[in-house]
Amino acid sequence: MKELVEVMAKALVDNPDEVVVTEKTEGRSIVVELRVAPSDMGKVIGKQGRIAKSIRSIVKAASTRDNTRVDVEIVE
């Protein structure tokens, strides 16, 4: 899932070199943390959080194949 989030984020931002994605396992779920440049934060979140919600939906759909729960957090 880390790679999926990284590819989507790099396609959205102006500074793809500053995209950092980390993955943590917490029990039965996986937490994917996305960090981008402060100037690109709005592009990743989108108006009223629509892009962030879309990223989370895509990751959730992809994770159902593996029977795991994946949460995406956008970190400043």
C-alpha atoms as a PDB file:
ATOM      1  CA  MET A   1       0.000   0.000   0.000  1.00  0.00           C
ATOM      2  CA  LYS A   2       2.949   2.279   0.626  1.00  0.00           C
ATOM      3  CA  GLU A   3       3.851   2.278  -3.059  1.00  0.00           C
ATOM      4  CA  LEU A   4       0.271   3.004  -4.119  1.00  0.00           C
ATOM      5  CA  VAL A   5       0.027   6.074  -1.875  1.00  0.00           C
ATOM      6  CA  GLU A   6       3.462   7.267  -3.013  1.00  0.00           C
ATOM      7  CA  VAL A   7       2.573   7.053  -6.719  1.00  0.00           C
ATOM      8  CA  MET A   8      -0.717   8.908  -6.231  1.00  0.00           C
ATOM      9  CA  ALA A   9       0.873  11.642  -4.106  1.00  0.00           C
ATOM     10  CA  LYS A  10       3.780  12.210  -6.501  1.00  0.00           C
ATOM     11  CA  ALA A  11       1.326  12.651  -9.367  1.00  0.00           C
ATOM     12  CA  LEU A  12      -0.534  15.381  -7.468  1.00  0.00           C
ATOM     13  CA  VAL A  13       2.256  17.591  -6.087  1.00  0.00           C
ATOM     14  CA  ASP A  14       4.695  20.105  -7.590  1.00  0.00           C
ATOM     15  CA  ASN A  15       7.652  18.775  -5.542  1.00  0.00           C
ATOM     16  CA  PRO A  16       7.585  14.978  -5.931  1.00  0.00           C
ATOM     17  CA  ASP A  17      11.065  14.683  -4.392  1.00  0.00           C
ATOM     18  CA  GLU A  18       9.675  15.817  -1.027  1.00  0.00           C
ATOM     19  CA  VAL A  19       6.987  13.105  -0.830  1.00  0.00           C
ATOM     20  CA  VAL A  20       7.736  10.714   2.046  1.00  0.00           C
ATOM     21  CA  VAL A  21       5.538   7.708   2.785  1.00  0.00           C
ATOM     22  CA  THR A  22       6.047   5.513   5.851  1.00  0.00           C
ATOM     23  CA  GLU A  23       4.173   2.411   6.872  1.00  0.00           C
ATOM     24  CA  LYS A  24       3.537   1.213  10.442  1.00  0.00           C
ATOM     25  CA  THR A  25       1.847  -1.982  11.557  1.00  0.00           C
ATOM     26  CA  GLU A  26      -0.408  -1.603  14.572  1.00  0.00           C
ATOM     27  CA  GLY A  27      -2.007  -4.892  15.478  1.00  0.00           C
ATOM     28  CA  ARG A  28      -4.212  -6.038  12.616  1.00  0.00           C
ATOM     29  CA  SER A  29      -4.144  -2.691  10.811  1.00  0.00           C
ATOM     30  CA  ILE A  30      -1.540  -0.789   8.844  1.00  0.00           C
ATOM     31  CA  VAL A  31      -1.089   2.985   9.119  1.00  0.00           C
ATOM     32  CA  VAL A  32       0.375   4.739   6.081  1.00  0.00           C
ATOM     33  CA  GLU A  33       1.709   8.231   6.821  1.00  0.00           C
ATOM     34  CA  LEU A  34       2.043  10.681   3.945  1.00  0.00           C
ATOM     35  CA  ARG A  35       4.285  13.739   4.238  1.00  0.00           C
ATOM     36  CA  VAL A  36       4.548  16.387   1.517  1.00  0.00           C
ATOM     37  CA  ALA A  37       6.059  19.850   1.223  1.00  0.00           C
ATOM     38  CA  PRO A  38       4.000  22.528   3.031  1.00  0.00           C
ATOM     39  CA  SER A  39       3.272  24.246  -0.280  1.00  0.00           C
ATOM     40  CA  ASP A  40       1.776  21.012  -1.664  1.00  0.00           C
ATOM     41  CA  MET A  41      -0.429  20.220   1.337  1.00  0.00           C
ATOM     42  CA  GLY A  42      -3.503  21.812  -0.253  1.00  0.00           C
ATOM     43  CA  LYS A  43      -3.087  19.800  -3.421  1.00  0.00           C
ATOM     44  CA  VAL A  44      -3.045  16.524  -1.507  1.00  0.00           C
ATOM     45  CA  ILE A  45      -6.013  17.442   0.693  1.00  0.00           C
ATOM     46  CA  GLY A  46      -8.124  19.164  -1.959  1.00  0.00           C
ATOM     47  CA  LYS A  47     -11.218  21.303  -1.574  1.00  0.00           C
ATOM     48  CA  GLN A  48     -13.195  20.152   1.457  1.00  0.00           C
ATOM     49  CA  GLY A  49     -10.857  17.152   1.719  1.00  0.00           C
ATOM     50  CA  ARG A  50     -12.113  15.493  -1.452  1.00  0.00           C
ATOM     51  CA  ILE A  51      -8.729  14.364  -2.770  1.00  0.00           C
ATOM     52  CA  ALA A  52      -7.672  13.008   0.627  1.00  0.00           C
ATOM     53  CA  LYS A  53     -10.963  11.124   0.862  1.00  0.00           C
ATOM     54  CA  SER A  54     -10.427   9.704  -2.634  1.00  0.00           C
ATOM     55  CA  ILE A  55      -6.916   8.523  -1.754  1.00  0.00           C
ATOM     56  CA  ARG A  56      -8.279   6.815   1.359  1.00  0.00           C
ATOM     57  CA  SER A  57     -11.079   5.168  -0.649  1.00  0.00           C
ATOM     58  CA  ILE A  58      -8.690   3.792  -3.261  1.00  0.00           C
ATOM     59  CA  VAL A  59      -6.350   2.411  -0.597  1.00  0.00           C
ATOM     60  CA  LYS A  60      -9.275   0.887   1.287  1.00  0.00           C
ATOM     61  CA  ALA A  61     -10.519  -0.819  -1.878  1.00  0.00           C
ATOM     62  CA  ALA A  62      -7.045  -2.151  -2.657  1.00  0.00           C
ATOM     63  CA  SER A  63      -6.550  -3.405   0.896  1.00  0.00           C
ATOM     64  CA  THR A  64      -9.740  -5.473   0.926  1.00  0.00           C
ATOM     65  CA  ARG A  65      -8.027  -7.955  -1.396  1.00  0.00           C
ATOM     66  CA  ASP A  66      -5.444  -8.652   1.311  1.00  0.00           C
ATOM     67  CA  ASN A  67      -8.024  -8.759   4.155  1.00  0.00           C
ATOM     68  CA  THR A  68      -6.151  -6.007   5.998  1.00  0.00           C
ATOM     69  CA  ARG A  69      -7.235  -2.611   7.278  1.00  0.00           C
ATOM     70  CA  VAL A  70      -5.182   0.305   6.015  1.00  0.00           C
ATOM     71  CA  ASP A  71      -5.522   3.875   7.321  1.00  0.00           C
ATOM     72  CA  VAL A  72      -3.952   6.814   5.472  1.00  0.00           C
ATOM     73  CA  GLU A  73      -2.824   9.785   7.554  1.00  0.00           C
ATOM     74  CA  ILE A  74      -1.632  13.026   6.001  1.00  0.00           C
ATOM     75  CA  VAL A  75       0.994  14.502   8.331  1.00  0.00           C
ATOM     76  CA  GLU A  76       2.277  18.075   8.306  1.00  0.00           C
END
